[in-house]
Amino acid sequence: MFTIQQSNELVFPVEDDKILEELLADHVLLSGSGTNSTKKDTKKRQRISSVSVQENKDGNSNEINNKKVVHREIEKQRRQEMTKLCASLRSLLPIEYLKGKRSVSNHMNEAVNYIKHIQTSIEELSMRRDELKNSCNSSSIEVSLSRVLVELLERGLNVVSCETTKVNDKLLHRIQIQASDLTAGIDLSVLQENLTNMINRG
């Protein structure tokens, strides 16, 4: 409320000034509380953001820890398996290859040496076996041939010549005999059958 005096001046009553001051004070209070609420909201958002960041960090650290645990477990199992394999290999080596050697690398080297030694021994034994086979075959051939010659002589036949020829890894014997008057009645088919059976028996 205001009044116009005769001097044409606007005059505000004192009560109106008080009301205006109160309105301004209320406005300032409202503005201040709005600022405070805005600050509170900002702090709240920052807290939420920091909590979410912390949760992400915790999640990542848990995942990294899990990976480390799995890796350690796999490595432990691998070492245990290698220990078992080395012990198994060591048990196969002769004592003379292990004397004075304690490290795993030394055992590996000695295992390689032992394998080479065994390979050489196998090759030598194979060659020896082949030699024995050949000698047995030749001996059986000689025995069979000698039996044939004895059989012919016992029947009264004269052996004129005996030739041996090798054809395609096989031995062919050519025996030339001469009959006398006393052996004229020999059945040649029976003689041939007897000689064949004798050769096959070895």
N, C-alpha and C. Protein backbone atom coordinates (compact mmCIF):
# COMPACT_ATOMS: atom_id res chain seq x y z
N MET A 1 0.86 -1.18 0.00
CA MET A 1 0.00 0.00 0.00
C MET A 1 0.89 1.23 0.00
N PHE A 2 0.57 2.15 -0.80
CA PHE A 2 1.30 3.42 -0.78
C PHE A 2 0.31 4.56 -0.99
N THR A 3 0.77 5.72 -0.61
CA THR A 3 -0.10 6.92 -0.72
C THR A 3 0.65 8.00 -1.46
N ILE A 4 -0.10 8.88 -2.09
CA ILE A 4 0.49 10.02 -2.80
C ILE A 4 0.21 11.25 -1.97
N GLN A 5 1.30 11.87 -1.56
CA GLN A 5 1.15 13.10 -0.79
C GLN A 5 1.02 14.27 -1.73
N GLN A 6 0.76 15.41 -1.12
CA GLN A 6 0.55 16.62 -1.93
C GLN A 6 1.81 17.03 -2.65
N SER A 7 2.96 16.64 -2.16
CA SER A 7 4.22 17.02 -2.81
C SER A 7 4.52 16.14 -4.00
N ASN A 8 3.54 15.33 -4.36
CA ASN A 8 3.68 14.41 -5.49
C ASN A 8 4.79 13.38 -5.28
N GLU A 9 5.08 12.98 -4.06
CA GLU A 9 6.09 11.97 -3.77
C GLU A 9 5.41 10.69 -3.35
N LEU A 10 5.99 9.64 -3.80
CA LEU A 10 5.47 8.34 -3.40
C LEU A 10 6.02 8.02 -2.02
N VAL A 11 5.16 7.60 -1.15
CA VAL A 11 5.60 7.29 0.20
C VAL A 11 5.10 5.90 0.52
N PHE A 12 6.05 5.07 0.87
CA PHE A 12 5.69 3.69 1.25
C PHE A 12 5.53 3.61 2.74
N PRO A 13 4.52 3.00 3.18
CA PRO A 13 4.38 2.85 4.62
C PRO A 13 5.44 1.92 5.15
N VAL A 14 5.75 2.03 6.44
CA VAL A 14 6.80 1.24 7.07
C VAL A 14 6.44 -0.23 7.04
N GLU A 15 5.21 -0.54 7.24
CA GLU A 15 4.79 -1.93 7.24
C GLU A 15 5.07 -2.58 5.90
N ASP A 16 4.84 -1.81 4.82
CA ASP A 16 5.11 -2.36 3.48
C ASP A 16 6.58 -2.67 3.32
N ASP A 17 7.46 -1.84 3.87
CA ASP A 17 8.90 -2.11 3.78
C ASP A 17 9.26 -3.40 4.50
N LYS A 18 8.63 -3.64 5.63
CA LYS A 18 8.91 -4.87 6.38
C LYS A 18 8.47 -6.09 5.59
N ILE A 19 7.32 -5.96 4.97
CA ILE A 19 6.81 -7.09 4.17
C ILE A 19 7.77 -7.40 3.04
N LEU A 20 8.25 -6.32 2.39
CA LEU A 20 9.18 -6.49 1.27
C LEU A 20 10.47 -7.15 1.73
N GLU A 21 10.98 -6.73 2.88
CA GLU A 21 12.20 -7.32 3.40
C GLU A 21 12.01 -8.81 3.71
N GLU A 22 10.85 -9.12 4.27
CA GLU A 22 10.57 -10.52 4.57
C GLU A 22 10.51 -11.36 3.30
N LEU A 23 9.88 -10.78 2.27
CA LEU A 23 9.81 -11.50 0.98
C LEU A 23 11.20 -11.75 0.42
N LEU A 24 12.04 -10.70 0.50
CA LEU A 24 13.41 -10.86 -0.02
C LEU A 24 14.18 -11.90 0.80
N ALA A 25 13.97 -11.88 2.10
CA ALA A 25 14.66 -12.85 2.96
C ALA A 25 14.21 -14.27 2.63
N ASP A 26 12.89 -14.40 2.44
CA ASP A 26 12.38 -15.73 2.07
C ASP A 26 12.98 -16.19 0.75
N HIS A 27 13.09 -15.24 -0.18
CA HIS A 27 13.66 -15.59 -1.49
C HIS A 27 15.10 -16.05 -1.35
N VAL A 28 15.85 -15.32 -0.52
CA VAL A 28 17.25 -15.69 -0.30
C VAL A 28 17.34 -17.07 0.34
N LEU A 29 16.47 -17.33 1.32
CA LEU A 29 16.47 -18.63 1.98
C LEU A 29 16.15 -19.75 1.00
N LEU A 30 15.12 -19.48 0.18
CA LEU A 30 14.75 -20.49 -0.83
C LEU A 30 15.89 -20.73 -1.80
N SER A 31 16.52 -19.65 -2.23
CA SER A 31 17.64 -19.80 -3.17
C SER A 31 18.77 -20.56 -2.50
N GLY A 32 19.05 -20.25 -1.26
CA GLY A 32 20.12 -20.95 -0.54
C GLY A 32 19.81 -22.41 -0.35
N SER A 33 18.57 -22.73 0.02
CA SER A 33 18.21 -24.15 0.20
C SER A 33 18.26 -24.89 -1.11
N GLY A 34 17.91 -24.23 -2.21
CA GLY A 34 18.03 -24.87 -3.53
C GLY A 34 19.46 -25.18 -3.85
N THR A 35 20.34 -24.26 -3.52
CA THR A 35 21.76 -24.49 -3.77
C THR A 35 22.26 -25.64 -2.93
N ASN A 36 21.81 -25.65 -1.67
CA ASN A 36 22.23 -26.74 -0.78
C ASN A 36 21.74 -28.08 -1.30
N SER A 37 20.46 -28.11 -1.74
CA SER A 37 19.93 -29.38 -2.26
C SER A 37 20.67 -29.80 -3.51
N THR A 38 21.04 -28.82 -4.34
CA THR A 38 21.80 -29.15 -5.55
C THR A 38 23.16 -29.73 -5.17
N LYS A 39 23.80 -29.10 -4.15
CA LYS A 39 25.09 -29.62 -3.69
C LYS A 39 24.94 -31.02 -3.13
N LYS A 40 23.84 -31.23 -2.36
CA LYS A 40 23.61 -32.56 -1.80
C LYS A 40 23.41 -33.59 -2.90
N ASP A 41 22.62 -33.21 -3.93
CA ASP A 41 22.39 -34.14 -5.05
C ASP A 41 23.71 -34.46 -5.76
N THR A 42 24.53 -33.42 -5.94
CA THR A 42 25.81 -33.64 -6.62
C THR A 42 26.69 -34.59 -5.80
N LYS A 43 26.75 -34.36 -4.48
CA LYS A 43 27.55 -35.24 -3.62
C LYS A 43 27.02 -36.66 -3.65
N LYS A 44 25.68 -36.79 -3.65
CA LYS A 44 25.07 -38.12 -3.68
C LYS A 44 25.44 -38.85 -4.96
N ARG A 45 25.35 -38.11 -6.09
CA ARG A 45 25.72 -38.72 -7.37
C ARG A 45 27.19 -39.13 -7.38
N GLN A 46 28.05 -38.28 -6.78
CA GLN A 46 29.47 -38.62 -6.72
C GLN A 46 29.71 -39.88 -5.89
N ARG A 47 28.95 -39.98 -4.76
CA ARG A 47 29.10 -41.17 -3.93
C ARG A 47 28.67 -42.43 -4.69
N ILE A 48 27.53 -42.32 -5.39
CA ILE A 48 27.05 -43.47 -6.18
C ILE A 48 28.06 -43.85 -7.24
N SER A 49 28.61 -42.80 -7.91
CA SER A 49 29.59 -43.07 -8.96
C SER A 49 30.84 -43.72 -8.39
N SER A 50 31.31 -43.22 -7.23
CA SER A 50 32.51 -43.80 -6.62
C SER A 50 32.26 -45.23 -6.18
N VAL A 51 31.03 -45.50 -5.68
CA VAL A 51 30.70 -46.86 -5.28
C VAL A 51 30.70 -47.80 -6.48
N SER A 52 30.12 -47.34 -7.61
CA SER A 52 30.10 -48.19 -8.81
C SER A 52 31.50 -48.42 -9.34
N VAL A 53 32.35 -47.38 -9.29
CA VAL A 53 33.74 -47.54 -9.74
C VAL A 53 34.46 -48.54 -8.84
N GLN A 54 34.20 -48.42 -7.52
CA GLN A 54 34.84 -49.36 -6.59
C GLN A 54 34.38 -50.78 -6.85
N GLU A 55 33.07 -50.94 -7.14
CA GLU A 55 32.55 -52.27 -7.45
C GLU A 55 33.21 -52.83 -8.70
N ASN A 56 33.39 -51.98 -9.74
CA ASN A 56 34.07 -52.43 -10.96
C ASN A 56 35.50 -52.86 -10.66
N LYS A 57 36.17 -52.05 -9.82
CA LYS A 57 37.55 -52.40 -9.46
C LYS A 57 37.59 -53.73 -8.72
N ASP A 58 36.65 -53.90 -7.79
CA ASP A 58 36.60 -55.15 -7.03
C ASP A 58 36.31 -56.33 -7.95
N GLY A 59 35.38 -56.14 -8.91
CA GLY A 59 35.06 -57.21 -9.86
C GLY A 59 36.26 -57.59 -10.70
N ASN A 60 36.99 -56.57 -11.20
CA ASN A 60 38.18 -56.84 -12.01
C ASN A 60 39.26 -57.54 -11.18
N SER A 61 39.46 -57.08 -9.95
CA SER A 61 40.49 -57.70 -9.11
C SER A 61 40.12 -59.14 -8.77
N ASN A 62 38.82 -59.41 -8.56
CA ASN A 62 38.39 -60.79 -8.30
C ASN A 62 38.65 -61.68 -9.50
N GLU A 63 38.35 -61.15 -10.69
CA GLU A 63 38.58 -61.94 -11.91
C GLU A 63 40.06 -62.23 -12.11
N ILE A 64 40.90 -61.22 -11.86
CA ILE A 64 42.35 -61.41 -11.99
C ILE A 64 42.84 -62.44 -10.97
N ASN A 65 42.33 -62.35 -9.74
CA ASN A 65 42.72 -63.32 -8.71
C ASN A 65 42.31 -64.73 -9.09
N ASN A 66 41.09 -64.88 -9.65
CA ASN A 66 40.63 -66.20 -10.08
C ASN A 66 41.53 -66.77 -11.17
N LYS A 67 41.92 -65.92 -12.13
CA LYS A 67 42.80 -66.38 -13.20
C LYS A 67 44.15 -66.82 -12.64
N LYS A 68 44.65 -66.07 -11.66
CA LYS A 68 45.94 -66.44 -11.06
C LYS A 68 45.84 -67.78 -10.34
N VAL A 69 44.72 -67.98 -9.64
CA VAL A 69 44.54 -69.24 -8.91
C VAL A 69 44.49 -70.42 -9.88
N VAL A 70 43.73 -70.25 -10.98
CA VAL A 70 43.62 -71.31 -11.99
C VAL A 70 44.99 -71.59 -12.61
N HIS A 71 45.73 -70.53 -12.93
CA HIS A 71 47.05 -70.69 -13.54
C HIS A 71 48.00 -71.43 -12.59
N ARG A 72 47.96 -71.07 -11.31
CA ARG A 72 48.83 -71.75 -10.34
C ARG A 72 48.47 -73.22 -10.21
N GLU A 73 47.17 -73.52 -10.24
CA GLU A 73 46.74 -74.91 -10.12
C GLU A 73 47.19 -75.74 -11.33
N ILE A 74 47.04 -75.16 -12.53
CA ILE A 74 47.49 -75.86 -13.74
C ILE A 74 48.99 -76.09 -13.70
N GLU A 75 49.73 -75.08 -13.30
CA GLU A 75 51.19 -75.20 -13.22
C GLU A 75 51.59 -76.26 -12.19
N LYS A 76 50.88 -76.32 -11.08
CA LYS A 76 51.16 -77.32 -10.05
C LYS A 76 50.93 -78.73 -10.58
N GLN A 77 49.81 -78.92 -11.29
CA GLN A 77 49.53 -80.24 -11.87
C GLN A 77 50.57 -80.63 -12.90
N ARG A 78 51.02 -79.65 -13.71
CA ARG A 78 52.04 -79.93 -14.73
C ARG A 78 53.35 -80.38 -14.08
N ARG A 79 53.74 -79.69 -13.01
CA ARG A 79 54.98 -80.07 -12.32
C ARG A 79 54.87 -81.46 -11.70
N GLN A 80 53.71 -81.76 -11.12
CA GLN A 80 53.51 -83.09 -10.54
C GLN A 80 53.59 -84.18 -11.61
N GLU A 81 52.98 -83.93 -12.77
CA GLU A 81 53.02 -84.91 -13.86
C GLU A 81 54.44 -85.10 -14.37
N MET A 82 55.19 -84.00 -14.50
CA MET A 82 56.58 -84.10 -14.94
C MET A 82 57.42 -84.89 -13.94
N THR A 83 57.17 -84.68 -12.66
CA THR A 83 57.89 -85.42 -11.62
C THR A 83 57.63 -86.92 -11.73
N LYS A 84 56.36 -87.28 -11.96
CA LYS A 84 56.01 -88.70 -12.12
C LYS A 84 56.69 -89.30 -13.35
N LEU A 85 56.67 -88.57 -14.47
CA LEU A 85 57.29 -89.08 -15.70
C LEU A 85 58.79 -89.25 -15.53
N CYS A 86 59.44 -88.29 -14.87
CA CYS A 86 60.89 -88.39 -14.65
C CYS A 86 61.21 -89.58 -13.75
N ALA A 87 60.39 -89.80 -12.73
CA ALA A 87 60.61 -90.95 -11.85
C ALA A 87 60.43 -92.26 -12.60
N SER A 88 59.43 -92.31 -13.49
CA SER A 88 59.20 -93.51 -14.29
C SER A 88 60.37 -93.78 -15.23
N LEU A 89 60.87 -92.72 -15.87
CA LEU A 89 62.03 -92.86 -16.76
C LEU A 89 63.26 -93.32 -15.99
N ARG A 90 63.47 -92.73 -14.82
CA ARG A 90 64.63 -93.10 -14.00
C ARG A 90 64.58 -94.56 -13.58
N SER A 91 63.37 -95.07 -13.33
CA SER A 91 63.24 -96.48 -12.91
C SER A 91 63.58 -97.45 -14.03
N LEU A 92 63.53 -96.99 -15.29
CA LEU A 92 63.84 -97.87 -16.43
C LEU A 92 65.33 -97.92 -16.75
N LEU A 93 66.09 -96.99 -16.20
CA LEU A 93 67.53 -96.94 -16.51
C LEU A 93 68.30 -97.90 -15.62
N PRO A 94 69.33 -98.56 -16.18
CA PRO A 94 70.20 -99.41 -15.36
C PRO A 94 70.94 -98.57 -14.33
N ILE A 95 71.37 -99.21 -13.26
CA ILE A 95 72.00 -98.49 -12.15
C ILE A 95 73.28 -97.78 -12.60
N GLU A 96 74.02 -98.42 -13.51
CA GLU A 96 75.30 -97.81 -13.92
C GLU A 96 75.11 -96.47 -14.64
N TYR A 97 73.91 -96.23 -15.17
CA TYR A 97 73.64 -94.95 -15.83
C TYR A 97 73.22 -93.86 -14.84
N LEU A 98 72.96 -94.24 -13.59
CA LEU A 98 72.47 -93.27 -12.60
C LEU A 98 73.50 -92.94 -11.53
N LYS A 99 74.61 -93.66 -11.49
CA LYS A 99 75.60 -93.46 -10.43
C LYS A 99 76.16 -92.04 -10.47
N GLY A 100 76.07 -91.34 -9.31
CA GLY A 100 76.65 -90.01 -9.19
C GLY A 100 75.90 -88.92 -9.91
N LYS A 101 74.73 -89.22 -10.43
CA LYS A 101 73.97 -88.22 -11.19
C LYS A 101 72.62 -88.01 -10.50
N ARG A 102 72.40 -86.79 -10.02
CA ARG A 102 71.19 -86.52 -9.25
C ARG A 102 70.21 -85.59 -9.96
N SER A 103 70.69 -84.74 -10.84
CA SER A 103 69.80 -83.76 -11.46
C SER A 103 68.96 -84.41 -12.56
N VAL A 104 67.82 -83.80 -12.82
CA VAL A 104 66.90 -84.32 -13.84
C VAL A 104 67.54 -84.23 -15.22
N SER A 105 68.28 -83.15 -15.49
CA SER A 105 68.91 -82.99 -16.80
C SER A 105 69.94 -84.10 -17.04
N ASN A 106 70.69 -84.48 -16.00
CA ASN A 106 71.65 -85.59 -16.13
C ASN A 106 70.94 -86.90 -16.41
N HIS A 107 69.81 -87.11 -15.75
CA HIS A 107 69.04 -88.34 -16.00
C HIS A 107 68.53 -88.37 -17.43
N MET A 108 68.11 -87.22 -17.95
CA MET A 108 67.63 -87.15 -19.34
C MET A 108 68.77 -87.50 -20.31
N ASN A 109 69.94 -86.93 -20.08
CA ASN A 109 71.09 -87.22 -20.95
C ASN A 109 71.46 -88.70 -20.90
N GLU A 110 71.45 -89.28 -19.71
CA GLU A 110 71.78 -90.70 -19.59
C GLU A 110 70.71 -91.57 -20.24
N ALA A 111 69.45 -91.13 -20.19
CA ALA A 111 68.38 -91.88 -20.86
C ALA A 111 68.61 -91.89 -22.37
N VAL A 112 69.04 -90.75 -22.92
CA VAL A 112 69.35 -90.68 -24.36
C VAL A 112 70.50 -91.62 -24.69
N ASN A 113 71.56 -91.60 -23.86
CA ASN A 113 72.70 -92.50 -24.09
C ASN A 113 72.28 -93.97 -24.02
N TYR A 114 71.42 -94.28 -23.07
CA TYR A 114 70.97 -95.67 -22.92
C TYR A 114 70.15 -96.11 -24.13
N ILE A 115 69.29 -95.22 -24.63
CA ILE A 115 68.48 -95.55 -25.82
C ILE A 115 69.38 -95.80 -27.02
N LYS A 116 70.41 -94.96 -27.19
CA LYS A 116 71.35 -95.18 -28.31
C LYS A 116 72.07 -96.51 -28.17
N HIS A 117 72.47 -96.83 -26.94
CA HIS A 117 73.15 -98.11 -26.69
C HIS A 117 72.24 -99.29 -27.03
N ILE A 118 70.98 -99.20 -26.62
CA ILE A 118 70.02 -100.28 -26.91
C ILE A 118 69.80 -100.42 -28.41
N GLN A 119 69.70 -99.29 -29.11
CA GLN A 119 69.51 -99.35 -30.57
C GLN A 119 70.68 -100.05 -31.25
N THR A 120 71.90 -99.70 -30.83
CA THR A 120 73.08 -100.36 -31.40
C THR A 120 73.07 -101.86 -31.11
N SER A 121 72.70 -102.22 -29.88
CA SER A 121 72.64 -103.64 -29.52
C SER A 121 71.61 -104.38 -30.36
N ILE A 122 70.45 -103.74 -30.59
CA ILE A 122 69.40 -104.38 -31.39
C ILE A 122 69.88 -104.61 -32.82
N GLU A 123 70.56 -103.61 -33.38
CA GLU A 123 71.07 -103.76 -34.75
C GLU A 123 72.08 -104.90 -34.83
N GLU A 124 72.98 -104.96 -33.84
CA GLU A 124 73.97 -106.05 -33.84
C GLU A 124 73.31 -107.41 -33.69
N LEU A 125 72.31 -107.51 -32.82
CA LEU A 125 71.61 -108.78 -32.64
C LEU A 125 70.82 -109.18 -33.88
N SER A 126 70.26 -108.18 -34.57
CA SER A 126 69.52 -108.48 -35.81
C SER A 126 70.46 -109.05 -36.87
N MET A 127 71.65 -108.43 -36.99
CA MET A 127 72.63 -108.94 -37.95
C MET A 127 73.06 -110.36 -37.58
N ARG A 128 73.29 -110.59 -36.30
CA ARG A 128 73.69 -111.92 -35.85
C ARG A 128 72.60 -112.95 -36.13
N ARG A 129 71.33 -112.54 -35.90
CA ARG A 129 70.20 -113.44 -36.16
C ARG A 129 70.15 -113.82 -37.64
N ASP A 130 70.32 -112.81 -38.51
CA ASP A 130 70.29 -113.09 -39.95
C ASP A 130 71.41 -114.04 -40.36
N GLU A 131 72.58 -113.83 -39.76
CA GLU A 131 73.70 -114.73 -40.06
C GLU A 131 73.39 -116.16 -39.64
N LEU A 132 72.80 -116.29 -38.46
CA LEU A 132 72.45 -117.63 -37.98
C LEU A 132 71.39 -118.28 -38.85
N LYS A 133 70.43 -117.47 -39.30
CA LYS A 133 69.39 -118.02 -40.19
C LYS A 133 70.01 -118.55 -41.47
N ASN A 134 70.90 -117.72 -42.04
CA ASN A 134 71.54 -118.15 -43.29
C ASN A 134 72.36 -119.42 -43.08
N SER A 135 73.08 -119.45 -41.96
CA SER A 135 73.90 -120.64 -41.72
C SER A 135 73.02 -121.87 -41.49
N CYS A 136 71.87 -121.68 -40.82
CA CYS A 136 70.96 -122.81 -40.61
C CYS A 136 70.38 -123.30 -41.93
N ASN A 137 70.03 -122.35 -42.79
CA ASN A 137 69.47 -122.74 -44.09
C ASN A 137 70.50 -123.50 -44.92
N SER A 138 71.73 -122.96 -44.93
CA SER A 138 72.77 -123.64 -45.72
C SER A 138 73.09 -125.01 -45.12
N SER A 139 73.06 -125.08 -43.78
CA SER A 139 73.33 -126.37 -43.14
C SER A 139 72.26 -127.38 -43.48
N SER A 140 71.00 -126.93 -43.45
CA SER A 140 69.91 -127.86 -43.77
C SER A 140 70.00 -128.32 -45.22
N ILE A 141 70.41 -127.38 -46.09
CA ILE A 141 70.58 -127.76 -47.51
C ILE A 141 71.69 -128.79 -47.65
N GLU A 142 72.81 -128.54 -46.93
CA GLU A 142 73.92 -129.49 -47.01
C GLU A 142 73.52 -130.85 -46.45
N VAL A 143 72.76 -130.83 -45.33
CA VAL A 143 72.31 -132.10 -44.74
C VAL A 143 71.41 -132.84 -45.70
N SER A 144 70.46 -132.09 -46.32
CA SER A 144 69.54 -132.73 -47.27
C SER A 144 70.30 -133.31 -48.45
N LEU A 145 71.26 -132.56 -48.96
CA LEU A 145 72.04 -133.04 -50.10
C LEU A 145 72.85 -134.27 -49.72
N SER A 146 73.45 -134.22 -48.55
CA SER A 146 74.26 -135.38 -48.12
C SER A 146 73.39 -136.61 -47.92
N ARG A 147 72.17 -136.43 -47.41
CA ARG A 147 71.27 -137.57 -47.25
C ARG A 147 70.88 -138.17 -48.61
N VAL A 148 70.65 -137.27 -49.56
CA VAL A 148 70.29 -137.76 -50.91
C VAL A 148 71.44 -138.59 -51.48
N LEU A 149 72.65 -138.09 -51.32
CA LEU A 149 73.80 -138.81 -51.87
C LEU A 149 73.97 -140.16 -51.17
N VAL A 150 73.77 -140.18 -49.84
CA VAL A 150 73.88 -141.45 -49.10
C VAL A 150 72.82 -142.42 -49.58
N GLU A 151 71.60 -141.94 -49.77
CA GLU A 151 70.50 -142.79 -50.23
C GLU A 151 70.83 -143.41 -51.59
N LEU A 152 71.39 -142.58 -52.48
CA LEU A 152 71.73 -143.08 -53.82
C LEU A 152 72.81 -144.15 -53.73
N LEU A 153 73.82 -143.90 -52.92
CA LEU A 153 74.91 -144.87 -52.79
C LEU A 153 74.42 -146.17 -52.16
N GLU A 154 73.52 -146.07 -51.17
CA GLU A 154 73.00 -147.28 -50.53
C GLU A 154 72.20 -148.14 -51.51
N ARG A 155 71.62 -147.53 -52.49
CA ARG A 155 70.85 -148.27 -53.48
C ARG A 155 71.75 -148.83 -54.60
N GLY A 156 73.05 -148.63 -54.46
CA GLY A 156 73.98 -149.21 -55.42
C GLY A 156 74.21 -148.36 -56.65
N LEU A 157 73.84 -147.07 -56.58
CA LEU A 157 74.04 -146.17 -57.71
C LEU A 157 75.37 -145.44 -57.54
N ASN A 158 76.04 -145.19 -58.66
CA ASN A 158 77.31 -144.46 -58.64
C ASN A 158 77.06 -142.99 -58.97
N VAL A 159 77.50 -142.09 -58.08
CA VAL A 159 77.35 -140.65 -58.31
C VAL A 159 78.52 -140.19 -59.15
N VAL A 160 78.23 -139.74 -60.35
CA VAL A 160 79.28 -139.29 -61.26
C VAL A 160 79.64 -137.84 -60.98
N SER A 161 78.62 -136.95 -60.79
CA SER A 161 78.89 -135.53 -60.54
C SER A 161 77.71 -134.91 -59.76
N CYS A 162 78.02 -133.81 -59.10
CA CYS A 162 76.98 -133.07 -58.34
C CYS A 162 77.27 -131.58 -58.48
N GLU A 163 76.34 -130.85 -59.10
CA GLU A 163 76.53 -129.41 -59.33
C GLU A 163 75.40 -128.63 -58.63
N THR A 164 75.76 -127.48 -58.06
CA THR A 164 74.78 -126.62 -57.38
C THR A 164 74.78 -125.25 -58.04
N THR A 165 73.59 -124.77 -58.39
CA THR A 165 73.44 -123.47 -59.04
C THR A 165 72.42 -122.64 -58.26
N LYS A 166 72.73 -121.33 -58.08
CA LYS A 166 71.80 -120.43 -57.37
C LYS A 166 70.98 -119.65 -58.39
N VAL A 167 69.65 -119.79 -58.31
CA VAL A 167 68.74 -119.09 -59.22
C VAL A 167 67.64 -118.44 -58.37
N ASN A 168 67.55 -117.08 -58.45
CA ASN A 168 66.51 -116.35 -57.70
C ASN A 168 66.53 -116.71 -56.21
N ASP A 169 67.71 -116.65 -55.63
CA ASP A 169 67.89 -116.95 -54.19
C ASP A 169 67.53 -118.38 -53.84
N LYS A 170 67.49 -119.26 -54.82
CA LYS A 170 67.23 -120.68 -54.56
C LYS A 170 68.40 -121.50 -55.11
N LEU A 171 68.69 -122.61 -54.43
CA LEU A 171 69.78 -123.49 -54.86
C LEU A 171 69.21 -124.68 -55.62
N LEU A 172 69.72 -124.89 -56.82
CA LEU A 172 69.33 -126.04 -57.64
C LEU A 172 70.50 -127.02 -57.70
N HIS A 173 70.21 -128.28 -57.36
CA HIS A 173 71.25 -129.32 -57.37
C HIS A 173 71.02 -130.24 -58.58
N ARG A 174 72.13 -130.48 -59.26
CA ARG A 174 72.07 -131.40 -60.42
C ARG A 174 73.03 -132.57 -60.14
N ILE A 175 72.40 -133.73 -59.93
CA ILE A 175 73.19 -134.93 -59.58
C ILE A 175 73.15 -135.91 -60.76
N GLN A 176 74.32 -136.29 -61.19
CA GLN A 176 74.41 -137.28 -62.28
C GLN A 176 74.87 -138.62 -61.69
N ILE A 177 74.06 -139.68 -61.94
CA ILE A 177 74.39 -141.00 -61.40
C ILE A 177 74.50 -142.01 -62.53
N GLN A 178 75.13 -143.11 -62.18
CA GLN A 178 75.31 -144.19 -63.17
C GLN A 178 74.87 -145.51 -62.53
N ALA A 179 74.03 -146.21 -63.23
CA ALA A 179 73.51 -147.49 -62.72
C ALA A 179 74.39 -148.63 -63.22
N SER A 180 74.47 -149.66 -62.38
CA SER A 180 75.23 -150.87 -62.75
C SER A 180 74.24 -151.98 -63.09
N ASP A 181 74.77 -153.13 -63.42
CA ASP A 181 73.90 -154.26 -63.77
C ASP A 181 73.07 -154.69 -62.56
N LEU A 182 73.63 -154.51 -61.35
CA LEU A 182 72.92 -154.96 -60.15
C LEU A 182 71.74 -154.05 -59.81
N THR A 183 71.76 -152.78 -60.29
CA THR A 183 70.70 -151.83 -59.96
C THR A 183 69.75 -151.61 -61.12
N ALA A 184 69.76 -152.50 -62.06
CA ALA A 184 68.92 -152.30 -63.24
C ALA A 184 67.44 -152.40 -62.90
N GLY A 185 67.09 -153.13 -61.84
CA GLY A 185 65.68 -153.33 -61.52
C GLY A 185 65.11 -152.29 -60.56
N ILE A 186 65.76 -151.14 -60.33
CA ILE A 186 65.28 -150.11 -59.41
C ILE A 186 64.10 -149.37 -60.03
N ASP A 187 63.04 -149.17 -59.22
CA ASP A 187 61.88 -148.39 -59.68
C ASP A 187 62.21 -146.90 -59.51
N LEU A 188 62.39 -146.21 -60.63
CA LEU A 188 62.82 -144.80 -60.59
C LEU A 188 61.77 -143.88 -59.98
N SER A 189 60.48 -144.16 -60.20
CA SER A 189 59.43 -143.31 -59.63
C SER A 189 59.42 -143.38 -58.10
N VAL A 190 59.63 -144.60 -57.58
CA VAL A 190 59.70 -144.76 -56.12
C VAL A 190 60.92 -144.05 -55.57
N LEU A 191 62.04 -144.16 -56.28
CA LEU A 191 63.28 -143.49 -55.85
C LEU A 191 63.09 -141.97 -55.82
N GLN A 192 62.44 -141.45 -56.85
CA GLN A 192 62.21 -140.00 -56.92
C GLN A 192 61.32 -139.52 -55.76
N GLU A 193 60.29 -140.31 -55.47
CA GLU A 193 59.39 -139.93 -54.37
C GLU A 193 60.11 -139.95 -53.03
N ASN A 194 60.95 -140.97 -52.83
CA ASN A 194 61.70 -141.05 -51.58
C ASN A 194 62.66 -139.87 -51.42
N LEU A 195 63.33 -139.53 -52.51
CA LEU A 195 64.27 -138.41 -52.45
C LEU A 195 63.55 -137.08 -52.19
N THR A 196 62.37 -136.89 -52.81
CA THR A 196 61.60 -135.65 -52.61
C THR A 196 61.16 -135.51 -51.16
N ASN A 197 60.68 -136.61 -50.59
CA ASN A 197 60.27 -136.57 -49.17
C ASN A 197 61.44 -136.28 -48.25
N MET A 198 62.58 -136.85 -48.59
CA MET A 198 63.78 -136.63 -47.78
C MET A 198 64.20 -135.17 -47.80
N ILE A 199 64.12 -134.54 -48.98
CA ILE A 199 64.51 -133.13 -49.11
C ILE A 199 63.53 -132.22 -48.38
N ASN A 200 62.24 -132.53 -48.50
CA ASN A 200 61.22 -131.70 -47.84
C ASN A 200 61.31 -131.77 -46.32
N ARG A 201 61.68 -132.94 -45.81
CA ARG A 201 61.84 -133.07 -44.36
C ARG A 201 63.05 -132.28 -43.85
N GLY A 202 64.02 -132.06 -44.73
CA GLY A 202 65.22 -131.32 -44.35
C GLY A 202 66.10 -132.19 -43.52
